[in-house]
N, C-alpha and C. Protein backbone atom coordinates (compact mmCIF):
# COMPACT_ATOMS: atom_id res chain seq x y z
N MET A 1 25.45 -39.58 -24.36
CA MET A 1 26.76 -39.15 -24.84
C MET A 1 27.67 -40.36 -25.01
N SER A 2 28.33 -40.43 -26.15
CA SER A 2 29.23 -41.55 -26.42
C SER A 2 30.58 -41.34 -25.72
N GLU A 3 31.29 -42.44 -25.54
CA GLU A 3 32.62 -42.39 -24.92
C GLU A 3 33.66 -42.87 -25.91
N LEU A 4 34.72 -42.08 -26.07
CA LEU A 4 35.81 -42.42 -26.97
C LEU A 4 37.11 -42.51 -26.19
N SER A 5 38.04 -43.31 -26.70
CA SER A 5 39.32 -43.50 -26.03
C SER A 5 40.38 -42.56 -26.60
N LEU A 6 41.28 -42.14 -25.74
CA LEU A 6 42.38 -41.26 -26.14
C LEU A 6 43.65 -41.68 -25.42
N LYS A 7 44.72 -41.87 -26.18
CA LYS A 7 46.00 -42.25 -25.59
C LYS A 7 46.92 -41.03 -25.54
N ALA A 8 47.63 -40.90 -24.42
CA ALA A 8 48.53 -39.76 -24.24
C ALA A 8 49.86 -40.21 -23.67
N ILE A 9 50.86 -39.37 -23.84
CA ILE A 9 52.15 -39.60 -23.19
C ILE A 9 52.35 -38.50 -22.15
N LYS A 10 53.09 -38.80 -21.12
CA LYS A 10 53.38 -37.81 -20.10
C LYS A 10 54.61 -37.03 -20.53
N ARG A 11 54.54 -35.72 -20.43
CA ARG A 11 55.69 -34.90 -20.80
C ARG A 11 56.29 -34.26 -19.55
N GLU A 12 57.63 -34.20 -19.55
CA GLU A 12 58.36 -33.69 -18.39
C GLU A 12 58.84 -32.25 -18.59
N SER A 13 59.05 -31.89 -19.84
CA SER A 13 59.62 -30.57 -20.12
C SER A 13 58.53 -29.56 -20.46
N PHE A 14 58.76 -28.31 -20.02
CA PHE A 14 57.82 -27.22 -20.30
C PHE A 14 58.50 -26.12 -21.11
N LYS A 15 59.71 -26.41 -21.63
CA LYS A 15 60.45 -25.42 -22.41
C LYS A 15 59.74 -25.16 -23.75
N GLY A 16 59.79 -23.91 -24.18
CA GLY A 16 59.17 -23.56 -25.45
C GLY A 16 59.73 -24.34 -26.61
N SER A 17 61.04 -24.59 -26.58
CA SER A 17 61.68 -25.32 -27.68
C SER A 17 61.18 -26.76 -27.74
N ASP A 18 60.94 -27.36 -26.57
CA ASP A 18 60.45 -28.74 -26.54
C ASP A 18 58.99 -28.81 -27.00
N LEU A 19 58.21 -27.79 -26.65
CA LEU A 19 56.81 -27.75 -27.10
C LEU A 19 56.75 -27.59 -28.61
N THR A 20 57.65 -26.76 -29.14
CA THR A 20 57.72 -26.57 -30.59
C THR A 20 58.09 -27.88 -31.28
N LYS A 21 59.03 -28.62 -30.68
CA LYS A 21 59.44 -29.90 -31.25
C LYS A 21 58.28 -30.88 -31.27
N LEU A 22 57.47 -30.88 -30.20
CA LEU A 22 56.31 -31.75 -30.13
C LEU A 22 55.36 -31.45 -31.28
N ARG A 23 55.08 -30.16 -31.47
CA ARG A 23 54.13 -29.76 -32.51
C ARG A 23 54.67 -30.07 -33.90
N THR A 24 55.98 -29.94 -34.07
CA THR A 24 56.60 -30.28 -35.35
C THR A 24 56.41 -31.75 -35.67
N ASN A 25 56.40 -32.57 -34.62
CA ASN A 25 56.22 -34.02 -34.77
C ASN A 25 54.74 -34.41 -34.72
N GLU A 26 53.86 -33.44 -35.00
CA GLU A 26 52.41 -33.69 -35.04
C GLU A 26 51.86 -34.18 -33.71
N MET A 27 52.41 -33.65 -32.60
CA MET A 27 51.89 -33.91 -31.27
C MET A 27 51.34 -32.60 -30.70
N VAL A 28 50.32 -32.69 -29.87
CA VAL A 28 49.72 -31.49 -29.27
C VAL A 28 49.88 -31.57 -27.75
N PRO A 29 50.57 -30.60 -27.14
CA PRO A 29 50.71 -30.60 -25.68
C PRO A 29 49.40 -30.21 -25.01
N GLY A 30 49.20 -30.74 -23.81
CA GLY A 30 48.00 -30.41 -23.06
C GLY A 30 48.20 -30.68 -21.59
N VAL A 31 47.10 -30.53 -20.82
CA VAL A 31 47.15 -30.78 -19.39
C VAL A 31 45.87 -31.48 -18.97
N PHE A 32 46.01 -32.44 -18.07
CA PHE A 32 44.88 -33.17 -17.50
C PHE A 32 44.78 -32.78 -16.03
N TYR A 33 43.60 -32.33 -15.60
CA TYR A 33 43.44 -31.86 -14.22
C TYR A 33 42.00 -32.07 -13.77
N GLY A 34 41.73 -31.79 -12.50
CA GLY A 34 40.37 -31.91 -11.99
C GLY A 34 40.35 -31.84 -10.48
N SER A 35 39.15 -31.80 -9.92
CA SER A 35 38.99 -31.74 -8.47
C SER A 35 39.54 -33.00 -7.82
N GLY A 36 40.52 -32.83 -6.93
CA GLY A 36 41.13 -33.97 -6.26
C GLY A 36 42.08 -34.75 -7.15
N GLN A 37 42.35 -34.23 -8.34
CA GLN A 37 43.24 -34.90 -9.29
C GLN A 37 44.49 -34.06 -9.52
N GLU A 38 45.63 -34.66 -9.34
CA GLU A 38 46.89 -33.96 -9.59
C GLU A 38 47.01 -33.64 -11.08
N SER A 39 47.40 -32.42 -11.38
CA SER A 39 47.56 -32.02 -12.78
C SER A 39 48.70 -32.80 -13.42
N ILE A 40 48.45 -33.28 -14.64
CA ILE A 40 49.47 -34.05 -15.37
C ILE A 40 49.67 -33.41 -16.73
N ALA A 41 50.91 -33.06 -17.04
CA ALA A 41 51.23 -32.52 -18.36
C ALA A 41 51.33 -33.68 -19.33
N ILE A 42 50.58 -33.59 -20.44
CA ILE A 42 50.53 -34.69 -21.39
C ILE A 42 50.68 -34.18 -22.83
N ALA A 43 50.72 -35.10 -23.76
CA ALA A 43 50.71 -34.76 -25.18
C ALA A 43 50.03 -35.91 -25.92
N VAL A 44 49.31 -35.57 -26.98
CA VAL A 44 48.62 -36.59 -27.77
C VAL A 44 48.89 -36.34 -29.26
N LYS A 45 48.64 -37.35 -30.06
CA LYS A 45 48.80 -37.18 -31.51
C LYS A 45 47.72 -36.24 -32.04
N ASN A 46 48.12 -35.38 -32.94
CA ASN A 46 47.19 -34.42 -33.53
C ASN A 46 45.99 -35.14 -34.17
N LEU A 47 46.25 -36.23 -34.86
CA LEU A 47 45.17 -36.98 -35.52
C LEU A 47 44.18 -37.54 -34.52
N ASP A 48 44.68 -38.00 -33.35
CA ASP A 48 43.81 -38.59 -32.33
C ASP A 48 42.92 -37.52 -31.68
N LEU A 49 43.40 -36.31 -31.61
CA LEU A 49 42.65 -35.23 -30.97
C LEU A 49 41.53 -34.70 -31.87
N ARG A 50 41.66 -34.90 -33.16
CA ARG A 50 40.68 -34.35 -34.11
C ARG A 50 39.26 -34.83 -33.87
N ASP A 51 39.11 -36.09 -33.44
CA ASP A 51 37.78 -36.64 -33.20
C ASP A 51 37.02 -35.86 -32.14
N PHE A 52 37.75 -35.19 -31.26
CA PHE A 52 37.11 -34.44 -30.18
C PHE A 52 37.00 -32.95 -30.51
N VAL A 53 37.99 -32.44 -31.22
CA VAL A 53 38.03 -31.00 -31.51
C VAL A 53 37.07 -30.61 -32.62
N TYR A 54 37.05 -31.41 -33.69
CA TYR A 54 36.23 -31.06 -34.85
C TYR A 54 34.95 -31.89 -34.91
N SER A 55 34.33 -32.07 -33.77
CA SER A 55 33.11 -32.85 -33.69
C SER A 55 31.91 -31.95 -33.40
N SER A 56 30.76 -32.32 -33.92
CA SER A 56 29.53 -31.58 -33.66
C SER A 56 28.83 -32.09 -32.40
N GLU A 57 29.46 -33.03 -31.71
CA GLU A 57 28.90 -33.59 -30.49
C GLU A 57 29.93 -33.57 -29.37
N SER A 58 29.42 -33.63 -28.13
CA SER A 58 30.31 -33.74 -26.97
C SER A 58 30.56 -35.22 -26.69
N HIS A 59 31.73 -35.53 -26.14
CA HIS A 59 32.08 -36.93 -25.87
C HIS A 59 32.72 -37.04 -24.49
N LEU A 60 32.45 -38.16 -23.82
CA LEU A 60 33.25 -38.54 -22.67
C LEU A 60 34.53 -39.16 -23.20
N ILE A 61 35.62 -38.91 -22.50
CA ILE A 61 36.92 -39.42 -22.95
C ILE A 61 37.46 -40.43 -21.94
N ASN A 62 37.81 -41.59 -22.44
CA ASN A 62 38.48 -42.60 -21.63
C ASN A 62 39.98 -42.43 -21.89
N LEU A 63 40.65 -41.76 -20.97
CA LEU A 63 42.05 -41.37 -21.15
C LEU A 63 43.01 -42.40 -20.55
N THR A 64 43.99 -42.79 -21.36
CA THR A 64 45.09 -43.62 -20.85
C THR A 64 46.39 -42.85 -21.06
N ILE A 65 47.23 -42.86 -20.03
CA ILE A 65 48.51 -42.15 -20.09
C ILE A 65 49.64 -43.17 -20.04
N ASP A 66 50.53 -43.10 -21.01
CA ASP A 66 51.63 -44.05 -21.11
C ASP A 66 52.39 -44.14 -19.79
N GLY A 67 52.56 -45.35 -19.28
CA GLY A 67 53.28 -45.55 -18.02
C GLY A 67 52.39 -45.54 -16.81
N ASN A 68 51.08 -45.31 -17.01
CA ASN A 68 50.12 -45.27 -15.90
C ASN A 68 49.06 -46.34 -16.16
N ASP A 69 48.89 -47.25 -15.19
CA ASP A 69 47.95 -48.36 -15.36
C ASP A 69 46.49 -47.93 -15.20
N LYS A 70 46.26 -46.75 -14.65
CA LYS A 70 44.90 -46.30 -14.37
C LYS A 70 44.30 -45.59 -15.59
N ASN A 71 43.02 -45.83 -15.83
CA ASN A 71 42.27 -45.09 -16.85
C ASN A 71 41.50 -43.95 -16.19
N PHE A 72 41.38 -42.84 -16.91
CA PHE A 72 40.70 -41.66 -16.38
C PHE A 72 39.52 -41.29 -17.27
N THR A 73 38.43 -40.88 -16.65
CA THR A 73 37.28 -40.38 -17.38
C THR A 73 37.31 -38.86 -17.33
N CYS A 74 37.21 -38.24 -18.51
CA CYS A 74 37.33 -36.79 -18.56
C CYS A 74 36.57 -36.23 -19.76
N ILE A 75 36.57 -34.92 -19.89
CA ILE A 75 35.98 -34.25 -21.04
C ILE A 75 36.98 -33.21 -21.56
N LEU A 76 36.83 -32.86 -22.81
CA LEU A 76 37.65 -31.80 -23.39
C LEU A 76 37.09 -30.47 -22.92
N LYS A 77 37.88 -29.74 -22.13
CA LYS A 77 37.40 -28.50 -21.53
C LYS A 77 37.75 -27.28 -22.35
N ASP A 78 38.94 -27.28 -22.96
CA ASP A 78 39.36 -26.09 -23.71
C ASP A 78 40.40 -26.49 -24.75
N VAL A 79 40.40 -25.74 -25.86
CA VAL A 79 41.39 -25.95 -26.93
C VAL A 79 41.88 -24.59 -27.41
N GLN A 80 43.18 -24.47 -27.60
CA GLN A 80 43.76 -23.26 -28.17
C GLN A 80 44.25 -23.60 -29.59
N PHE A 81 44.01 -22.65 -30.51
CA PHE A 81 44.35 -22.88 -31.91
C PHE A 81 45.40 -21.90 -32.41
N ASP A 82 46.18 -22.36 -33.37
CA ASP A 82 47.08 -21.47 -34.09
C ASP A 82 46.21 -20.51 -34.90
N PRO A 83 46.40 -19.19 -34.75
CA PRO A 83 45.53 -18.22 -35.42
C PRO A 83 45.64 -18.22 -36.93
N VAL A 84 46.72 -18.75 -37.47
CA VAL A 84 46.92 -18.76 -38.92
C VAL A 84 46.51 -20.10 -39.52
N LYS A 85 47.08 -21.20 -38.99
CA LYS A 85 46.80 -22.53 -39.54
C LYS A 85 45.55 -23.16 -38.96
N TYR A 86 45.02 -22.59 -37.88
CA TYR A 86 43.85 -23.11 -37.18
C TYR A 86 44.02 -24.59 -36.80
N LYS A 87 45.21 -24.92 -36.35
CA LYS A 87 45.47 -26.25 -35.82
C LYS A 87 45.56 -26.15 -34.30
N PRO A 88 45.09 -27.17 -33.57
CA PRO A 88 45.19 -27.12 -32.11
C PRO A 88 46.65 -27.09 -31.66
N ILE A 89 46.95 -26.19 -30.72
CA ILE A 89 48.31 -26.07 -30.21
C ILE A 89 48.38 -26.37 -28.70
N HIS A 90 47.22 -26.46 -28.05
CA HIS A 90 47.18 -26.82 -26.63
C HIS A 90 45.75 -27.17 -26.26
N PHE A 91 45.58 -28.07 -25.30
CA PHE A 91 44.24 -28.48 -24.88
C PHE A 91 44.21 -28.77 -23.39
N ASP A 92 43.02 -28.70 -22.81
CA ASP A 92 42.79 -29.01 -21.40
C ASP A 92 41.79 -30.15 -21.30
N LEU A 93 42.10 -31.15 -20.50
CA LEU A 93 41.16 -32.23 -20.20
C LEU A 93 40.76 -32.14 -18.74
N LEU A 94 39.46 -32.17 -18.47
CA LEU A 94 38.95 -32.04 -17.11
C LEU A 94 38.47 -33.39 -16.60
N ALA A 95 39.05 -33.84 -15.49
CA ALA A 95 38.63 -35.10 -14.88
C ALA A 95 37.23 -34.95 -14.29
N ILE A 96 36.42 -35.98 -14.41
CA ILE A 96 35.06 -35.92 -13.87
C ILE A 96 34.82 -37.11 -12.94
N LYS A 97 33.87 -36.90 -12.01
CA LYS A 97 33.47 -37.96 -11.08
C LYS A 97 31.98 -38.20 -11.27
N ALA A 98 31.59 -39.45 -11.18
CA ALA A 98 30.21 -39.83 -11.48
C ALA A 98 29.19 -39.12 -10.58
N ASP A 99 29.57 -38.79 -9.35
CA ASP A 99 28.62 -38.20 -8.41
C ASP A 99 28.76 -36.69 -8.25
N GLU A 100 29.54 -36.05 -9.11
CA GLU A 100 29.73 -34.60 -9.02
C GLU A 100 29.25 -33.92 -10.29
N LYS A 101 28.42 -32.87 -10.12
CA LYS A 101 27.95 -32.11 -11.27
C LYS A 101 29.10 -31.31 -11.87
N ILE A 102 29.07 -31.13 -13.19
CA ILE A 102 30.08 -30.34 -13.87
C ILE A 102 29.41 -29.36 -14.83
N LYS A 103 30.16 -28.34 -15.21
CA LYS A 103 29.69 -27.39 -16.21
C LYS A 103 30.43 -27.67 -17.52
N VAL A 104 29.67 -27.74 -18.59
CA VAL A 104 30.29 -28.08 -19.88
C VAL A 104 29.53 -27.41 -21.01
N ASP A 105 30.25 -27.05 -22.08
CA ASP A 105 29.63 -26.44 -23.25
C ASP A 105 29.14 -27.52 -24.20
N ILE A 106 27.87 -27.42 -24.59
CA ILE A 106 27.26 -28.42 -25.47
C ILE A 106 26.88 -27.79 -26.80
N PRO A 107 27.25 -28.41 -27.93
CA PRO A 107 26.92 -27.85 -29.24
C PRO A 107 25.41 -27.79 -29.48
N VAL A 108 24.97 -26.73 -30.18
CA VAL A 108 23.57 -26.60 -30.59
C VAL A 108 23.42 -27.25 -31.96
N HIS A 109 22.41 -28.11 -32.09
CA HIS A 109 22.15 -28.79 -33.37
C HIS A 109 20.79 -28.34 -33.89
N VAL A 110 20.80 -27.58 -34.98
CA VAL A 110 19.57 -27.04 -35.56
C VAL A 110 18.98 -28.05 -36.54
N THR A 111 17.66 -28.31 -36.42
CA THR A 111 16.98 -29.23 -37.32
C THR A 111 15.78 -28.55 -37.98
N GLY A 112 15.47 -28.96 -39.19
CA GLY A 112 14.30 -28.45 -39.90
C GLY A 112 14.60 -27.20 -40.71
N THR A 113 13.70 -26.91 -41.65
CA THR A 113 13.78 -25.70 -42.47
C THR A 113 12.66 -24.75 -42.05
N PRO A 114 12.98 -23.56 -41.56
CA PRO A 114 11.96 -22.64 -41.06
C PRO A 114 10.99 -22.17 -42.15
N ILE A 115 9.75 -21.90 -41.74
CA ILE A 115 8.76 -21.32 -42.64
C ILE A 115 9.29 -20.00 -43.20
N GLY A 116 9.92 -19.22 -42.32
CA GLY A 116 10.43 -17.91 -42.73
C GLY A 116 11.50 -17.97 -43.80
N VAL A 117 12.32 -19.03 -43.77
CA VAL A 117 13.35 -19.19 -44.80
C VAL A 117 12.70 -19.53 -46.14
N LYS A 118 11.66 -20.34 -46.11
CA LYS A 118 10.94 -20.68 -47.34
C LYS A 118 10.29 -19.44 -47.95
N GLU A 119 10.00 -18.46 -47.09
CA GLU A 119 9.38 -17.22 -47.55
C GLU A 119 10.41 -16.15 -47.91
N GLY A 120 11.69 -16.51 -47.88
CA GLY A 120 12.73 -15.58 -48.28
C GLY A 120 13.56 -15.00 -47.16
N GLY A 121 13.31 -15.43 -45.92
CA GLY A 121 14.09 -14.92 -44.78
C GLY A 121 15.44 -15.62 -44.64
N VAL A 122 16.20 -15.18 -43.64
CA VAL A 122 17.54 -15.71 -43.40
C VAL A 122 17.62 -16.28 -41.99
N LEU A 123 18.11 -17.51 -41.87
CA LEU A 123 18.27 -18.14 -40.56
C LEU A 123 19.59 -17.68 -39.95
N GLN A 124 19.54 -17.22 -38.70
CA GLN A 124 20.74 -16.74 -38.02
C GLN A 124 20.90 -17.47 -36.69
N LEU A 125 22.05 -18.14 -36.53
CA LEU A 125 22.36 -18.85 -35.29
C LEU A 125 23.23 -17.97 -34.43
N ALA A 126 22.70 -17.52 -33.29
CA ALA A 126 23.41 -16.59 -32.42
C ALA A 126 24.29 -17.30 -31.40
N ILE A 127 23.88 -18.49 -30.95
CA ILE A 127 24.64 -19.24 -29.95
C ILE A 127 24.94 -20.63 -30.50
N HIS A 128 26.21 -20.94 -30.67
CA HIS A 128 26.62 -22.23 -31.22
C HIS A 128 26.78 -23.29 -30.15
N LYS A 129 27.08 -22.86 -28.90
CA LYS A 129 27.22 -23.79 -27.79
C LYS A 129 26.54 -23.21 -26.56
N LEU A 130 25.90 -24.09 -25.79
CA LEU A 130 25.22 -23.69 -24.57
C LEU A 130 25.92 -24.33 -23.37
N GLU A 131 26.17 -23.54 -22.35
CA GLU A 131 26.79 -24.08 -21.14
C GLU A 131 25.71 -24.71 -20.26
N VAL A 132 25.94 -25.95 -19.87
CA VAL A 132 24.98 -26.65 -19.03
C VAL A 132 25.69 -27.18 -17.78
N GLU A 133 24.89 -27.52 -16.78
CA GLU A 133 25.41 -28.12 -15.55
C GLU A 133 24.60 -29.38 -15.26
N CYS A 134 25.31 -30.48 -15.01
CA CYS A 134 24.62 -31.75 -14.73
C CYS A 134 25.62 -32.79 -14.24
N LEU A 135 25.09 -33.95 -13.87
CA LEU A 135 25.95 -35.08 -13.57
C LEU A 135 26.52 -35.63 -14.88
N PRO A 136 27.71 -36.19 -14.85
CA PRO A 136 28.35 -36.69 -16.09
C PRO A 136 27.46 -37.63 -16.91
N LYS A 137 26.68 -38.47 -16.27
CA LYS A 137 25.87 -39.44 -17.02
C LYS A 137 24.74 -38.78 -17.80
N TYR A 138 24.44 -37.52 -17.48
CA TYR A 138 23.36 -36.82 -18.16
C TYR A 138 23.87 -35.79 -19.18
N ILE A 139 25.16 -35.76 -19.43
CA ILE A 139 25.69 -34.80 -20.40
C ILE A 139 25.15 -35.14 -21.78
N PRO A 140 24.43 -34.22 -22.43
CA PRO A 140 23.90 -34.52 -23.76
C PRO A 140 24.97 -34.40 -24.83
N ALA A 141 24.84 -35.20 -25.89
CA ALA A 141 25.79 -35.11 -26.99
C ALA A 141 25.66 -33.77 -27.69
N ASN A 142 24.42 -33.29 -27.82
CA ASN A 142 24.15 -31.96 -28.37
C ASN A 142 22.77 -31.53 -27.89
N ILE A 143 22.44 -30.28 -28.13
CA ILE A 143 21.11 -29.77 -27.78
C ILE A 143 20.37 -29.46 -29.07
N GLU A 144 19.33 -30.24 -29.34
CA GLU A 144 18.60 -30.11 -30.59
C GLU A 144 17.59 -28.97 -30.52
N VAL A 145 17.62 -28.12 -31.53
CA VAL A 145 16.68 -27.00 -31.63
C VAL A 145 15.94 -27.11 -32.96
N ASN A 146 14.64 -27.41 -32.90
CA ASN A 146 13.83 -27.53 -34.11
C ASN A 146 13.30 -26.16 -34.51
N VAL A 147 13.59 -25.76 -35.74
CA VAL A 147 13.25 -24.40 -36.19
C VAL A 147 12.16 -24.38 -37.27
N GLU A 148 11.50 -25.50 -37.50
CA GLU A 148 10.54 -25.61 -38.60
C GLU A 148 9.43 -24.56 -38.54
N ASP A 149 8.97 -24.21 -37.35
CA ASP A 149 7.82 -23.30 -37.22
C ASP A 149 8.20 -21.82 -37.18
N LEU A 150 9.48 -21.51 -37.26
CA LEU A 150 9.91 -20.12 -37.16
C LEU A 150 9.51 -19.32 -38.40
N LYS A 151 8.85 -18.19 -38.16
CA LYS A 151 8.50 -17.27 -39.23
C LYS A 151 9.46 -16.08 -39.19
N ILE A 152 9.41 -15.26 -40.23
CA ILE A 152 10.27 -14.07 -40.27
C ILE A 152 9.97 -13.18 -39.07
N GLY A 153 11.03 -12.80 -38.37
CA GLY A 153 10.87 -11.95 -37.19
C GLY A 153 10.75 -12.73 -35.89
N GLU A 154 10.72 -14.06 -35.96
CA GLU A 154 10.58 -14.88 -34.76
C GLU A 154 11.93 -15.51 -34.38
N SER A 155 12.04 -15.90 -33.11
CA SER A 155 13.27 -16.50 -32.62
C SER A 155 12.96 -17.56 -31.57
N ILE A 156 13.95 -18.38 -31.28
CA ILE A 156 13.87 -19.36 -30.20
C ILE A 156 14.86 -18.93 -29.13
N ARG A 157 14.35 -18.78 -27.91
CA ARG A 157 15.19 -18.34 -26.79
C ARG A 157 15.50 -19.51 -25.86
N VAL A 158 16.42 -19.29 -24.95
CA VAL A 158 16.80 -20.33 -23.99
C VAL A 158 15.58 -20.82 -23.22
N SER A 159 14.71 -19.90 -22.85
CA SER A 159 13.52 -20.25 -22.08
C SER A 159 12.55 -21.15 -22.84
N ASP A 160 12.68 -21.21 -24.17
CA ASP A 160 11.79 -22.04 -24.99
C ASP A 160 12.21 -23.51 -25.00
N LEU A 161 13.42 -23.80 -24.58
CA LEU A 161 13.93 -25.18 -24.64
C LEU A 161 13.44 -26.00 -23.45
N LYS A 162 13.08 -27.23 -23.74
CA LYS A 162 12.70 -28.16 -22.69
C LYS A 162 13.91 -29.03 -22.36
N THR A 163 14.31 -29.01 -21.11
CA THR A 163 15.50 -29.77 -20.70
C THR A 163 15.13 -30.82 -19.67
N GLU A 164 15.94 -31.86 -19.64
CA GLU A 164 15.72 -32.94 -18.67
C GLU A 164 17.07 -33.40 -18.15
N ASN A 165 17.21 -33.38 -16.84
CA ASN A 165 18.41 -33.86 -16.14
C ASN A 165 19.61 -32.93 -16.28
N PHE A 166 19.45 -31.79 -16.95
CA PHE A 166 20.54 -30.81 -16.99
C PHE A 166 19.95 -29.40 -16.99
N GLU A 167 20.75 -28.45 -16.53
CA GLU A 167 20.32 -27.06 -16.44
C GLU A 167 21.15 -26.20 -17.39
N ILE A 168 20.48 -25.38 -18.19
CA ILE A 168 21.18 -24.45 -19.07
C ILE A 168 21.48 -23.18 -18.28
N LEU A 169 22.73 -22.75 -18.30
CA LEU A 169 23.18 -21.66 -17.44
C LEU A 169 23.09 -20.28 -18.08
N HIS A 170 22.62 -20.20 -19.33
CA HIS A 170 22.49 -18.90 -19.99
C HIS A 170 21.25 -18.16 -19.49
N ASP A 171 21.22 -16.85 -19.76
CA ASP A 171 20.03 -16.04 -19.47
C ASP A 171 18.85 -16.61 -20.26
N PRO A 172 17.71 -16.86 -19.60
CA PRO A 172 16.54 -17.41 -20.30
C PRO A 172 16.09 -16.56 -21.49
N ALA A 173 16.40 -15.26 -21.47
CA ALA A 173 15.97 -14.37 -22.55
C ALA A 173 16.91 -14.38 -23.75
N ASP A 174 18.06 -15.05 -23.63
CA ASP A 174 19.02 -15.08 -24.74
C ASP A 174 18.43 -15.77 -25.96
N SER A 175 18.59 -15.13 -27.12
CA SER A 175 18.12 -15.70 -28.38
C SER A 175 19.16 -16.68 -28.91
N ILE A 176 18.72 -17.88 -29.25
CA ILE A 176 19.62 -18.90 -29.78
C ILE A 176 19.65 -18.85 -31.29
N VAL A 177 18.47 -18.82 -31.90
CA VAL A 177 18.36 -18.82 -33.35
C VAL A 177 17.14 -18.00 -33.76
N SER A 178 17.24 -17.31 -34.89
CA SER A 178 16.13 -16.46 -35.34
C SER A 178 16.07 -16.44 -36.86
N VAL A 179 14.95 -15.96 -37.38
CA VAL A 179 14.80 -15.77 -38.82
C VAL A 179 14.55 -14.29 -39.06
N THR A 180 15.40 -13.68 -39.86
CA THR A 180 15.29 -12.25 -40.14
C THR A 180 14.97 -12.04 -41.62
N ALA A 181 14.41 -10.87 -41.89
CA ALA A 181 14.10 -10.53 -43.28
C ALA A 181 15.41 -10.28 -44.03
N GLN A 182 15.42 -10.67 -45.29
CA GLN A 182 16.61 -10.47 -46.11
C GLN A 182 16.73 -8.99 -46.47
N ALA A 183 17.91 -8.43 -46.30
CA ALA A 183 18.12 -7.01 -46.62
C ALA A 183 18.02 -6.80 -48.12
N THR A 184 17.22 -5.81 -48.51
CA THR A 184 17.06 -5.50 -49.94
C THR A 184 17.18 -4.01 -50.16
N GLU A 185 17.54 -3.65 -51.36
CA GLU A 185 17.61 -2.24 -51.74
C GLU A 185 16.54 -1.96 -52.77
N GLU A 186 15.88 -0.83 -52.61
CA GLU A 186 14.87 -0.42 -53.57
C GLU A 186 15.46 0.64 -54.49
N ILE A 187 15.31 0.42 -55.77
CA ILE A 187 15.83 1.39 -56.74
C ILE A 187 14.66 2.02 -57.47
N ALA A 188 14.62 3.34 -57.44
CA ALA A 188 13.51 4.06 -58.06
C ALA A 188 13.56 3.92 -59.58
N GLU A 189 12.35 3.90 -60.18
CA GLU A 189 12.27 3.85 -61.64
C GLU A 189 12.84 5.13 -62.23
N PRO A 190 13.64 5.08 -63.30
CA PRO A 190 14.18 6.29 -63.92
C PRO A 190 13.03 7.16 -64.45
N GLU A 191 13.16 8.46 -64.18
CA GLU A 191 12.16 9.39 -64.66
C GLU A 191 12.60 9.99 -65.99
N ALA A 192 11.59 10.49 -66.73
CA ALA A 192 11.92 11.16 -68.00
C ALA A 192 12.76 12.38 -67.69
N THR A 193 13.86 12.55 -68.42
CA THR A 193 14.79 13.65 -68.15
C THR A 193 15.10 14.38 -69.44
N ASP A 194 15.63 15.59 -69.25
CA ASP A 194 16.08 16.35 -70.41
C ASP A 194 17.30 15.68 -70.99
N GLU A 195 17.57 15.90 -72.24
CA GLU A 195 18.72 15.29 -72.91
C GLU A 195 20.01 15.66 -72.21
N GLY A 196 20.83 14.64 -71.92
CA GLY A 196 22.12 14.90 -71.30
C GLY A 196 22.06 14.86 -69.78
N GLN A 197 20.89 14.80 -69.16
CA GLN A 197 20.78 14.79 -67.70
C GLN A 197 20.65 13.35 -67.20
N GLU A 198 21.45 12.98 -66.20
CA GLU A 198 21.44 11.62 -65.68
C GLU A 198 20.21 11.40 -64.81
N PRO A 199 19.54 10.20 -64.88
CA PRO A 199 18.41 9.91 -64.01
C PRO A 199 18.88 9.72 -62.57
N GLU A 200 18.03 10.04 -61.59
CA GLU A 200 18.38 9.96 -60.17
C GLU A 200 18.08 8.56 -59.67
N VAL A 201 19.02 7.96 -58.92
CA VAL A 201 18.85 6.63 -58.36
C VAL A 201 18.84 6.75 -56.85
N MET A 202 17.81 6.16 -56.20
CA MET A 202 17.65 6.24 -54.76
C MET A 202 17.75 4.84 -54.17
N SER A 203 18.40 4.69 -53.02
CA SER A 203 18.46 3.42 -52.31
C SER A 203 17.73 3.53 -51.00
N LYS A 204 16.95 2.51 -50.66
CA LYS A 204 16.18 2.54 -49.43
C LYS A 204 17.12 2.68 -48.23
N GLY A 205 16.73 3.58 -47.35
CA GLY A 205 17.50 3.75 -46.13
C GLY A 205 18.67 4.69 -46.25
N LYS A 206 18.87 5.28 -47.43
CA LYS A 206 19.97 6.20 -47.63
C LYS A 206 19.43 7.58 -47.92
N LYS A 207 20.11 8.62 -47.45
CA LYS A 207 19.71 9.98 -47.68
C LYS A 207 20.01 10.37 -49.12
N GLU A 208 19.14 11.24 -49.65
CA GLU A 208 19.35 11.73 -51.00
C GLU A 208 20.61 12.55 -51.05
N GLU A 209 21.46 12.23 -52.00
CA GLU A 209 22.71 12.98 -52.14
C GLU A 209 22.45 14.29 -52.83
N GLU A 210 23.12 15.32 -52.32
CA GLU A 210 22.99 16.62 -52.93
C GLU A 210 23.93 16.73 -54.12
N SER A 211 23.41 17.25 -55.17
CA SER A 211 24.27 17.40 -56.36
C SER A 211 25.21 18.55 -56.16
């Protein structure tokens, strides 16, 4: 897992009007906390936060807070978004210690083109992130799932993944990705009819409509 730097300022006010002012100035309020770590209310530039929020990989964060000489190692634990603009409006940073295991969500990275897709099937990703537990030095950037051998009707479950130095906390039976048959409709061939009579059209899986 790569480590990126993030600069923050300490904020003193928790008033809604001040938080709104921060966001208007393209700043995102957040909180830094952790085991044995005093919670610190902070804010960062929206542009600086994007590298962590809109990334397909997990990152360790080297956090510096204006006015504090100490650097902190942490991870992005949670982000809240504006439901309309889909911009981050609040975030949580979790402090980590080298000798303490943590739980963190890791993105799933799918590789390869399944046999089933080449045969007309549809690839469906059911789990986009997997929660794992491990020491900070073993946090993976992502969890790679190779789907090349998947045929129509087959799936890859949590129990199928080989892990090293970290534990996946999901149910082993949970399906991560699968290939399903493409939904199709069958239309019956028009039959010879008397003049003026409409031909009957049938769709697979639907009951015949009564005239």
